[in-house]
Amino acid sequence: MKKAMMYLLLALGITLVVMFIGGAMVGLIAGFIDGFSGNQIGTTTSMSVMVYAASISVILLCAILNWVFLKLGFAKYSLGRIPKQNSVRIKVVAGMILAMAGLAVLHCLMMDVLHDVEDDALIKESYAWMCQHPVFTILILVIVEATGNLVIYGAVLREILEWKHRPVIIIPVFAAIMGALSLIGGNPMLMLPAFMMAQVEGYMYEYSRSIIPIIIGDVAFWIVMLCLAGIPTQGWWFFVAAALAVPGVLLALNPMEPYKPID
């Protein structure tokens, strides 16, 4: 448990340092552009410049976290317990894609990022920019999700499960914490999809001891999110979410049942 806390604090410390330096650099670039244009600070810098500058900071952060955690052996990218049978691998990947796509639909049903954030122009403009530049956005999200999963699942959750292998207790508590963190977005309704996502990914890691299916699922989640952003939600979306998520979870986890760790 102490190691899990160490991993978490290490990642948090690196993130804060890089964010501070990166934020200062983004502010410097924005100020230079505005000053060069002869206008008041914060008036002329385009969203593209801000996003690209911030992306450099994010990539640097991910590179440092990957180097530290991989170099020191705290976590790794591997197939873990996933067997070599292609039939099992296809089912796991397809199941995670379906499950996370369904949860993305549920997330969009709970909150439309282009219409439900009218009071936060920056978030709305950022999501709009992401929808207009999907390829670049997905590439950045792949890097971010891979790094985040490496730290959260490959290091922290792995260490907790090795310390006390009680997944029926640990994973729901972990999911509840992730759900509570979603309150930072200001919408309590997002606790449900966040809790469900953490449950699915937590059990996927418990069964497979691999973050690769989780990364694939997260990428599918964001692709669906970007595709649905701005589309007026309908009540029947809930049934679409359930029709994707429930079979997806079963398809992903059932083939790994024989390979999961035993208490």
C-alpha atoms as a PDB file:
ATOM      1  CA  MET A   1       0.000   0.000   0.000  1.00  0.00           C
ATOM      2  CA  LYS A   2       2.887   2.348   0.773  1.00  0.00           C
ATOM      3  CA  LYS A   3       4.307   1.726  -2.691  1.00  0.00           C
ATOM      4  CA  ALA A   4       0.949   2.555  -4.285  1.00  0.00           C
ATOM      5  CA  MET A   5       0.893   5.886  -2.439  1.00  0.00           C
ATOM      6  CA  MET A   6       4.491   6.512  -3.483  1.00  0.00           C
ATOM      7  CA  TYR A   7       3.607   5.892  -7.139  1.00  0.00           C
ATOM      8  CA  LEU A   8       0.630   8.230  -6.907  1.00  0.00           C
ATOM      9  CA  LEU A   9       2.572  11.002  -5.187  1.00  0.00           C
ATOM     10  CA  LEU A  10       5.460  10.617  -7.630  1.00  0.00           C
ATOM     11  CA  ALA A  11       3.137  10.999 -10.617  1.00  0.00           C
ATOM     12  CA  LEU A  12       1.364  13.940  -8.952  1.00  0.00           C
ATOM     13  CA  GLY A  13       4.642  15.675  -8.192  1.00  0.00           C
ATOM     14  CA  ILE A  14       5.955  15.297 -11.740  1.00  0.00           C
ATOM     15  CA  THR A  15       2.605  16.487 -13.114  1.00  0.00           C
ATOM     16  CA  LEU A  16       2.553  19.622 -10.942  1.00  0.00           C
ATOM     17  CA  VAL A  17       6.114  20.577 -11.873  1.00  0.00           C
ATOM     18  CA  VAL A  18       5.546  20.094 -15.607  1.00  0.00           C
ATOM     19  CA  MET A  19       2.168  21.865 -15.468  1.00  0.00           C
ATOM     20  CA  PHE A  20       3.755  24.844 -13.703  1.00  0.00           C
ATOM     21  CA  ILE A  21       6.573  25.099 -16.240  1.00  0.00           C
ATOM     22  CA  GLY A  22       4.263  24.364 -19.177  1.00  0.00           C
ATOM     23  CA  GLY A  23       1.674  26.891 -17.976  1.00  0.00           C
ATOM     24  CA  ALA A  24       4.350  29.536 -17.707  1.00  0.00           C
ATOM     25  CA  MET A  25       5.533  28.777 -21.238  1.00  0.00           C
ATOM     26  CA  VAL A  26       1.990  28.882 -22.660  1.00  0.00           C
ATOM     27  CA  GLY A  27       1.405  32.204 -20.927  1.00  0.00           C
ATOM     28  CA  LEU A  28       4.690  33.542 -22.286  1.00  0.00           C
ATOM     29  CA  ILE A  29       3.815  32.500 -25.833  1.00  0.00           C
ATOM     30  CA  ALA A  30       0.330  34.002 -25.568  1.00  0.00           C
ATOM     31  CA  GLY A  31       1.715  37.237 -24.125  1.00  0.00           C
ATOM     32  CA  PHE A  32       4.349  37.466 -26.846  1.00  0.00           C
ATOM     33  CA  ILE A  33       1.755  37.021 -29.600  1.00  0.00           C
ATOM     34  CA  ASP A  34      -0.573  39.594 -28.078  1.00  0.00           C
ATOM     35  CA  GLY A  35       2.292  41.997 -27.458  1.00  0.00           C
ATOM     36  CA  PHE A  36       3.619  41.555 -30.973  1.00  0.00           C
ATOM     37  CA  SER A  37       0.149  42.350 -32.288  1.00  0.00           C
ATOM     38  CA  GLY A  38       0.035  45.475 -30.163  1.00  0.00           C
ATOM     39  CA  ASN A  39      -3.129  44.396 -28.344  1.00  0.00           C
ATOM     40  CA  GLN A  40      -4.088  43.802 -24.734  1.00  0.00           C
ATOM     41  CA  ILE A  41      -2.866  40.522 -23.240  1.00  0.00           C
ATOM     42  CA  GLY A  42      -5.314  37.684 -23.762  1.00  0.00           C
ATOM     43  CA  THR A  43      -7.215  39.208 -26.650  1.00  0.00           C
ATOM     44  CA  THR A  44      -5.693  37.915 -29.874  1.00  0.00           C
ATOM     45  CA  THR A  45      -4.093  34.532 -29.170  1.00  0.00           C
ATOM     46  CA  SER A  46      -6.040  31.886 -31.096  1.00  0.00           C
ATOM     47  CA  MET A  47      -7.310  28.651 -29.604  1.00  0.00           C
ATOM     48  CA  SER A  48      -5.051  26.723 -32.010  1.00  0.00           C
ATOM     49  CA  VAL A  49      -1.933  28.380 -30.626  1.00  0.00           C
ATOM     50  CA  MET A  50      -3.050  27.703 -27.061  1.00  0.00           C
ATOM     51  CA  VAL A  51      -3.888  24.063 -27.805  1.00  0.00           C
ATOM     52  CA  TYR A  52      -0.667  23.329 -29.650  1.00  0.00           C
ATOM     53  CA  ALA A  53       1.411  25.003 -26.933  1.00  0.00           C
ATOM     54  CA  ALA A  54      -0.445  23.083 -24.219  1.00  0.00           C
ATOM     55  CA  SER A  55      -0.047  19.859 -26.212  1.00  0.00           C
ATOM     56  CA  ILE A  56       3.723  20.232 -26.096  1.00  0.00           C
ATOM     57  CA  SER A  57       3.542  20.422 -22.302  1.00  0.00           C
ATOM     58  CA  VAL A  58       1.268  17.365 -22.180  1.00  0.00           C
ATOM     59  CA  ILE A  59       3.551  15.323 -24.427  1.00  0.00           C
ATOM     60  CA  LEU A  60       6.557  16.315 -22.294  1.00  0.00           C
ATOM     61  CA  LEU A  61       4.710  15.286 -19.138  1.00  0.00           C
ATOM     62  CA  CYS A  62       3.724  11.929 -20.641  1.00  0.00           C
ATOM     63  CA  ALA A  63       7.271  11.296 -21.852  1.00  0.00           C
ATOM     64  CA  ILE A  64       8.702  11.950 -18.386  1.00  0.00           C
ATOM     65  CA  LEU A  65       6.091   9.786 -16.635  1.00  0.00           C
ATOM     66  CA  ASN A  66       6.649   6.934 -19.096  1.00  0.00           C
ATOM     67  CA  TRP A  67      10.410   7.141 -18.709  1.00  0.00           C
ATOM     68  CA  VAL A  68      10.269   7.177 -14.909  1.00  0.00           C
ATOM     69  CA  PHE A  69       7.710   4.391 -14.463  1.00  0.00           C
ATOM     70  CA  LEU A  70       9.120   2.140 -17.190  1.00  0.00           C
ATOM     71  CA  LYS A  71      12.770   2.777 -16.338  1.00  0.00           C
ATOM     72  CA  LEU A  72      12.268   2.068 -12.638  1.00  0.00           C
ATOM     73  CA  GLY A  73      10.047  -0.936 -13.334  1.00  0.00           C
ATOM     74  CA  PHE A  74       7.005   0.436 -11.526  1.00  0.00           C
ATOM     75  CA  ALA A  75       4.732  -0.492 -14.462  1.00  0.00           C
ATOM     76  CA  LYS A  76       4.952  -1.816 -18.000  1.00  0.00           C
ATOM     77  CA  TYR A  77       3.098  -2.205 -21.272  1.00  0.00           C
ATOM     78  CA  SER A  78       2.486  -5.917 -21.770  1.00  0.00           C
ATOM     79  CA  LEU A  79      -0.283  -8.366 -22.587  1.00  0.00           C
ATOM     80  CA  GLY A  80      -0.129  -9.664 -19.028  1.00  0.00           C
ATOM     81  CA  ARG A  81      -2.335 -12.743 -18.651  1.00  0.00           C
ATOM     82  CA  ILE A  82      -4.024 -12.369 -22.041  1.00  0.00           C
ATOM     83  CA  PRO A  83      -3.347 -15.667 -23.871  1.00  0.00           C
ATOM     84  CA  LYS A  84      -1.920 -15.985 -27.348  1.00  0.00           C
ATOM     85  CA  GLN A  85      -5.163 -17.284 -28.837  1.00  0.00           C
ATOM     86  CA  ASN A  86      -6.374 -14.768 -31.394  1.00  0.00           C
ATOM     87  CA  SER A  87      -9.995 -15.635 -30.632  1.00  0.00           C
ATOM     88  CA  VAL A  88      -9.588 -14.512 -27.011  1.00  0.00           C
ATOM     89  CA  ARG A  89      -7.700 -11.351 -27.931  1.00  0.00           C
ATOM     90  CA  ILE A  90     -10.293 -10.341 -30.521  1.00  0.00           C
ATOM     91  CA  LYS A  91     -13.125 -10.876 -28.039  1.00  0.00           C
ATOM     92  CA  VAL A  92     -11.355  -8.841 -25.347  1.00  0.00           C
ATOM     93  CA  VAL A  93     -10.604  -5.926 -27.673  1.00  0.00           C
ATOM     94  CA  ALA A  94     -14.045  -5.970 -29.300  1.00  0.00           C
ATOM     95  CA  GLY A  95     -15.708  -6.184 -25.909  1.00  0.00           C
ATOM     96  CA  MET A  96     -13.772  -3.218 -24.511  1.00  0.00           C
ATOM     97  CA  ILE A  97     -14.564  -1.143 -27.605  1.00  0.00           C
ATOM     98  CA  LEU A  98     -18.286  -1.907 -27.319  1.00  0.00           C
ATOM     99  CA  ALA A  99     -18.382  -1.369 -23.558  1.00  0.00           C
ATOM    100  CA  MET A 100     -16.558   1.962 -23.638  1.00  0.00           C
ATOM    101  CA  ALA A 101     -18.536   3.134 -26.663  1.00  0.00           C
ATOM    102  CA  GLY A 102     -21.719   2.457 -24.710  1.00  0.00           C
ATOM    103  CA  LEU A 103     -20.404   4.367 -21.694  1.00  0.00           C
ATOM    104  CA  ALA A 104     -19.454   7.258 -23.980  1.00  0.00           C
ATOM    105  CA  VAL A 105     -23.052   7.408 -25.210  1.00  0.00           C
ATOM    106  CA  LEU A 106     -24.209   7.406 -21.579  1.00  0.00           C
ATOM    107  CA  HIS A 107     -21.741  10.183 -20.772  1.00  0.00           C
ATOM    108  CA  CYS A 108     -23.024  12.311 -23.642  1.00  0.00           C
ATOM    109  CA  LEU A 109     -26.580  11.648 -22.494  1.00  0.00           C
ATOM    110  CA  MET A 110     -25.660  12.994 -19.064  1.00  0.00           C
ATOM    111  CA  MET A 111     -23.863  16.060 -20.436  1.00  0.00           C
ATOM    112  CA  ASP A 112     -23.456  17.593 -23.890  1.00  0.00           C
ATOM    113  CA  VAL A 113     -20.105  19.339 -23.695  1.00  0.00           C
ATOM    114  CA  LEU A 114     -21.024  21.832 -26.411  1.00  0.00           C
ATOM    115  CA  HIS A 115     -24.374  22.883 -24.944  1.00  0.00           C
ATOM    116  CA  ASP A 116     -24.278  22.164 -21.198  1.00  0.00           C
ATOM    117  CA  VAL A 117     -21.197  24.296 -20.454  1.00  0.00           C
ATOM    118  CA  GLU A 118     -22.559  27.677 -21.507  1.00  0.00           C
ATOM    119  CA  ASP A 119     -21.053  29.285 -18.391  1.00  0.00           C
ATOM    120  CA  ASP A 120     -17.544  28.097 -19.252  1.00  0.00           C
ATOM    121  CA  ALA A 121     -16.616  29.475 -22.638  1.00  0.00           C
ATOM    122  CA  LEU A 122     -13.069  28.058 -22.491  1.00  0.00           C
ATOM    123  CA  ILE A 123     -14.247  24.446 -22.073  1.00  0.00           C
ATOM    124  CA  LYS A 124     -16.861  24.861 -24.794  1.00  0.00           C
ATOM    125  CA  GLU A 125     -14.354  26.391 -27.203  1.00  0.00           C
ATOM    126  CA  SER A 126     -11.784  23.705 -26.390  1.00  0.00           C
ATOM    127  CA  TYR A 127     -14.211  20.868 -27.152  1.00  0.00           C
ATOM    128  CA  ALA A 128     -15.313  22.617 -30.327  1.00  0.00           C
ATOM    129  CA  TRP A 129     -11.676  22.861 -31.421  1.00  0.00           C
ATOM    130  CA  MET A 130     -11.150  19.163 -30.635  1.00  0.00           C
ATOM    131  CA  CYS A 131     -14.154  18.212 -32.772  1.00  0.00           C
ATOM    132  CA  GLN A 132     -12.766  20.272 -35.650  1.00  0.00           C
ATOM    133  CA  HIS A 133      -9.321  18.617 -35.403  1.00  0.00           C
ATOM    134  CA  PRO A 134     -10.151  14.973 -34.618  1.00  0.00           C
ATOM    135  CA  VAL A 135      -6.924  13.362 -35.876  1.00  0.00           C
ATOM    136  CA  PHE A 136      -4.606  15.560 -33.821  1.00  0.00           C
ATOM    137  CA  THR A 137      -6.944  15.283 -30.822  1.00  0.00           C
ATOM    138  CA  ILE A 138      -7.072  11.478 -30.942  1.00  0.00           C
ATOM    139  CA  LEU A 139      -3.269  11.248 -31.231  1.00  0.00           C
ATOM    140  CA  ILE A 140      -2.848  13.380 -28.106  1.00  0.00           C
ATOM    141  CA  LEU A 141      -5.553  11.447 -26.278  1.00  0.00           C
ATOM    142  CA  VAL A 142      -3.855   8.135 -27.108  1.00  0.00           C
ATOM    143  CA  ILE A 143      -0.648   9.402 -25.493  1.00  0.00           C
ATOM    144  CA  VAL A 144      -2.490  10.790 -22.467  1.00  0.00           C
ATOM    145  CA  GLU A 145      -4.661   7.704 -21.930  1.00  0.00           C
ATOM    146  CA  ALA A 146      -1.723   5.320 -22.320  1.00  0.00           C
ATOM    147  CA  THR A 147       0.300   7.264 -19.753  1.00  0.00           C
ATOM    148  CA  GLY A 148      -2.578   7.701 -17.328  1.00  0.00           C
ATOM    149  CA  ASN A 149      -3.461   4.008 -17.500  1.00  0.00           C
ATOM    150  CA  LEU A 150       0.188   3.068 -17.041  1.00  0.00           C
ATOM    151  CA  VAL A 151       0.284   5.012 -13.770  1.00  0.00           C
ATOM    152  CA  ILE A 152      -3.225   4.429 -12.384  1.00  0.00           C
ATOM    153  CA  TYR A 153      -3.747   0.799 -13.372  1.00  0.00           C
ATOM    154  CA  GLY A 154      -0.287  -0.514 -14.183  1.00  0.00           C
ATOM    155  CA  ALA A 155       1.327   0.878 -11.038  1.00  0.00           C
ATOM    156  CA  VAL A 156      -1.151   2.048  -8.390  1.00  0.00           C
ATOM    157  CA  LEU A 157      -4.008  -0.473  -8.785  1.00  0.00           C
ATOM    158  CA  ARG A 158      -1.562  -3.310  -9.486  1.00  0.00           C
ATOM    159  CA  GLU A 159       0.292  -2.621  -6.252  1.00  0.00           C
ATOM    160  CA  ILE A 160      -2.919  -2.405  -4.212  1.00  0.00           C
ATOM    161  CA  LEU A 161      -4.171  -5.713  -5.643  1.00  0.00           C
ATOM    162  CA  GLU A 162      -0.822  -7.346  -4.885  1.00  0.00           C
ATOM    163  CA  TRP A 163      -0.860  -5.917  -1.361  1.00  0.00           C
ATOM    164  CA  LYS A 164      -4.366  -7.175  -0.628  1.00  0.00           C
ATOM    165  CA  HIS A 165      -5.965  -9.266  -3.354  1.00  0.00           C
ATOM    166  CA  ARG A 166      -9.597  -8.506  -2.618  1.00  0.00           C
ATOM    167  CA  PRO A 167     -10.865  -7.244  -5.999  1.00  0.00           C
ATOM    168  CA  VAL A 168     -14.543  -7.430  -4.963  1.00  0.00           C
ATOM    169  CA  ILE A 169     -13.761  -4.745  -2.371  1.00  0.00           C
ATOM    170  CA  ILE A 170     -10.838  -2.839  -3.878  1.00  0.00           C
ATOM    171  CA  ILE A 171     -12.253  -2.278  -7.373  1.00  0.00           C
ATOM    172  CA  PRO A 172     -15.649  -0.886  -6.267  1.00  0.00           C
ATOM    173  CA  VAL A 173     -13.893   1.443  -3.785  1.00  0.00           C
ATOM    174  CA  PHE A 174     -11.494   2.510  -6.537  1.00  0.00           C
ATOM    175  CA  ALA A 175     -14.445   3.091  -8.889  1.00  0.00           C
ATOM    176  CA  ALA A 176     -16.264   5.129  -6.233  1.00  0.00           C
ATOM    177  CA  ILE A 177     -13.206   7.355  -5.813  1.00  0.00           C
ATOM    178  CA  MET A 178     -12.978   7.870  -9.574  1.00  0.00           C
ATOM    179  CA  GLY A 179     -16.689   8.671  -9.645  1.00  0.00           C
ATOM    180  CA  ALA A 180     -16.257  11.227  -6.877  1.00  0.00           C
ATOM    181  CA  LEU A 181     -13.394  12.864  -8.780  1.00  0.00           C
ATOM    182  CA  SER A 182     -15.784  13.446 -11.681  1.00  0.00           C
ATOM    183  CA  LEU A 183     -17.520  16.027  -9.485  1.00  0.00           C
ATOM    184  CA  ILE A 184     -14.676  18.365 -10.410  1.00  0.00           C
ATOM    185  CA  GLY A 185     -16.524  18.856 -13.696  1.00  0.00           C
ATOM    186  CA  GLY A 186     -19.447  20.298 -11.750  1.00  0.00           C
ATOM    187  CA  ASN A 187     -22.059  17.790 -12.958  1.00  0.00           C
ATOM    188  CA  PRO A 188     -23.071  15.161 -10.340  1.00  0.00           C
ATOM    189  CA  MET A 189     -24.708  13.071 -13.072  1.00  0.00           C
ATOM    190  CA  LEU A 190     -21.268  12.262 -14.457  1.00  0.00           C
ATOM    191  CA  MET A 191     -20.528  10.197 -11.362  1.00  0.00           C
ATOM    192  CA  LEU A 192     -22.501   7.295 -12.849  1.00  0.00           C
ATOM    193  CA  PRO A 193     -20.558   6.862 -16.130  1.00  0.00           C
ATOM    194  CA  ALA A 194     -17.271   7.577 -14.336  1.00  0.00           C
ATOM    195  CA  PHE A 195     -18.039   4.910 -11.710  1.00  0.00           C
ATOM    196  CA  MET A 196     -19.041   2.393 -14.365  1.00  0.00           C
ATOM    197  CA  MET A 197     -15.965   3.105 -16.487  1.00  0.00           C
ATOM    198  CA  ALA A 198     -13.647   2.589 -13.528  1.00  0.00           C
ATOM    199  CA  GLN A 199     -15.465  -0.646 -12.642  1.00  0.00           C
ATOM    200  CA  VAL A 200     -15.128  -2.059 -16.147  1.00  0.00           C
ATOM    201  CA  GLU A 201     -11.489  -1.025 -16.519  1.00  0.00           C
ATOM    202  CA  GLY A 202     -10.625  -2.148 -12.990  1.00  0.00           C
ATOM    203  CA  TYR A 203     -11.989  -5.647 -13.567  1.00  0.00           C
ATOM    204  CA  MET A 204     -10.394  -5.754 -17.009  1.00  0.00           C
ATOM    205  CA  TYR A 205      -7.036  -5.103 -15.375  1.00  0.00           C
ATOM    206  CA  GLU A 206      -7.760  -7.606 -12.593  1.00  0.00           C
ATOM    207  CA  TYR A 207      -8.526 -10.311 -15.144  1.00  0.00           C
ATOM    208  CA  SER A 208      -5.783  -9.525 -17.649  1.00  0.00           C
ATOM    209  CA  ARG A 209      -3.070  -7.635 -15.721  1.00  0.00           C
ATOM    210  CA  SER A 210      -2.651  -5.608 -18.910  1.00  0.00           C
ATOM    211  CA  ILE A 211      -3.396  -1.965 -19.621  1.00  0.00           C
ATOM    212  CA  ILE A 212      -3.478  -2.467 -23.396  1.00  0.00           C
ATOM    213  CA  PRO A 213      -7.216  -3.381 -23.600  1.00  0.00           C
ATOM    214  CA  ILE A 214      -7.956  -0.431 -21.303  1.00  0.00           C
ATOM    215  CA  ILE A 215      -6.076   1.962 -23.588  1.00  0.00           C
ATOM    216  CA  ILE A 216      -7.973   0.667 -26.620  1.00  0.00           C
ATOM    217  CA  GLY A 217     -11.270   1.070 -24.776  1.00  0.00           C
ATOM    218  CA  ASP A 218     -10.444   4.629 -23.699  1.00  0.00           C
ATOM    219  CA  VAL A 219      -9.585   5.625 -27.251  1.00  0.00           C
ATOM    220  CA  ALA A 220     -12.924   4.201 -28.427  1.00  0.00           C
ATOM    221  CA  PHE A 221     -14.627   6.196 -25.675  1.00  0.00           C
ATOM    222  CA  TRP A 222     -13.132   9.491 -26.862  1.00  0.00           C
ATOM    223  CA  ILE A 223     -13.842   8.801 -30.530  1.00  0.00           C
ATOM    224  CA  VAL A 224     -17.531   8.301 -29.735  1.00  0.00           C
ATOM    225  CA  MET A 225     -17.488  11.382 -27.482  1.00  0.00           C
ATOM    226  CA  LEU A 226     -16.122  13.554 -30.275  1.00  0.00           C
ATOM    227  CA  CYS A 227     -18.577  12.113 -32.797  1.00  0.00           C
ATOM    228  CA  LEU A 228     -21.576  12.821 -30.556  1.00  0.00           C
ATOM    229  CA  ALA A 229     -20.480  16.236 -29.267  1.00  0.00           C
ATOM    230  CA  GLY A 230     -23.019  18.868 -30.266  1.00  0.00           C
ATOM    231  CA  ILE A 231     -25.721  16.398 -31.334  1.00  0.00           C
ATOM    232  CA  PRO A 232     -28.956  16.949 -29.378  1.00  0.00           C
ATOM    233  CA  THR A 233     -29.446  14.056 -26.974  1.00  0.00           C
ATOM    234  CA  GLN A 234     -32.500  11.801 -27.019  1.00  0.00           C
ATOM    235  CA  GLY A 235     -33.955   9.634 -24.272  1.00  0.00           C
ATOM    236  CA  TRP A 236     -33.572   6.485 -26.339  1.00  0.00           C
ATOM    237  CA  TRP A 237     -29.781   6.957 -26.227  1.00  0.00           C
ATOM    238  CA  PHE A 238     -29.900   5.178 -22.868  1.00  0.00           C
ATOM    239  CA  PHE A 239     -31.032   1.979 -24.560  1.00  0.00           C
ATOM    240  CA  VAL A 240     -28.245   2.324 -27.138  1.00  0.00           C
ATOM    241  CA  ALA A 241     -25.733   2.754 -24.311  1.00  0.00           C
ATOM    242  CA  ALA A 242     -27.049  -0.360 -22.544  1.00  0.00           C
ATOM    243  CA  ALA A 243     -27.148  -2.368 -25.783  1.00  0.00           C
ATOM    244  CA  LEU A 244     -23.461  -1.603 -26.336  1.00  0.00           C
ATOM    245  CA  ALA A 245     -22.081  -1.647 -22.804  1.00  0.00           C
ATOM    246  CA  VAL A 246     -23.690  -4.773 -21.315  1.00  0.00           C
ATOM    247  CA  PRO A 247     -22.745  -7.217 -24.117  1.00  0.00           C
ATOM    248  CA  GLY A 248     -19.372  -5.478 -24.392  1.00  0.00           C
ATOM    249  CA  VAL A 249     -18.507  -6.089 -20.745  1.00  0.00           C
ATOM    250  CA  LEU A 250     -19.526  -9.736 -20.986  1.00  0.00           C
ATOM    251  CA  LEU A 251     -17.628 -10.204 -24.237  1.00  0.00           C
ATOM    252  CA  ALA A 252     -14.464  -8.653 -22.768  1.00  0.00           C
ATOM    253  CA  LEU A 253     -14.420 -10.344 -19.361  1.00  0.00           C
ATOM    254  CA  ASN A 254     -15.864 -13.815 -19.951  1.00  0.00           C
ATOM    255  CA  PRO A 255     -12.984 -15.059 -22.181  1.00  0.00           C
ATOM    256  CA  MET A 256     -10.501 -13.931 -19.485  1.00  0.00           C
ATOM    257  CA  GLU A 257     -12.302 -15.723 -16.633  1.00  0.00           C
ATOM    258  CA  PRO A 258     -10.008 -18.789 -16.762  1.00  0.00           C
ATOM    259  CA  TYR A 259      -6.873 -16.620 -16.695  1.00  0.00           C
ATOM    260  CA  LYS A 260      -7.667 -14.220 -13.840  1.00  0.00           C
ATOM    261  CA  PRO A 261      -5.525 -14.389 -10.657  1.00  0.00           C
ATOM    262  CA  ILE A 262      -6.817 -16.683  -7.916  1.00  0.00           C
ATOM    263  CA  ASP A 263      -6.978 -15.579  -4.279  1.00  0.00           C
END
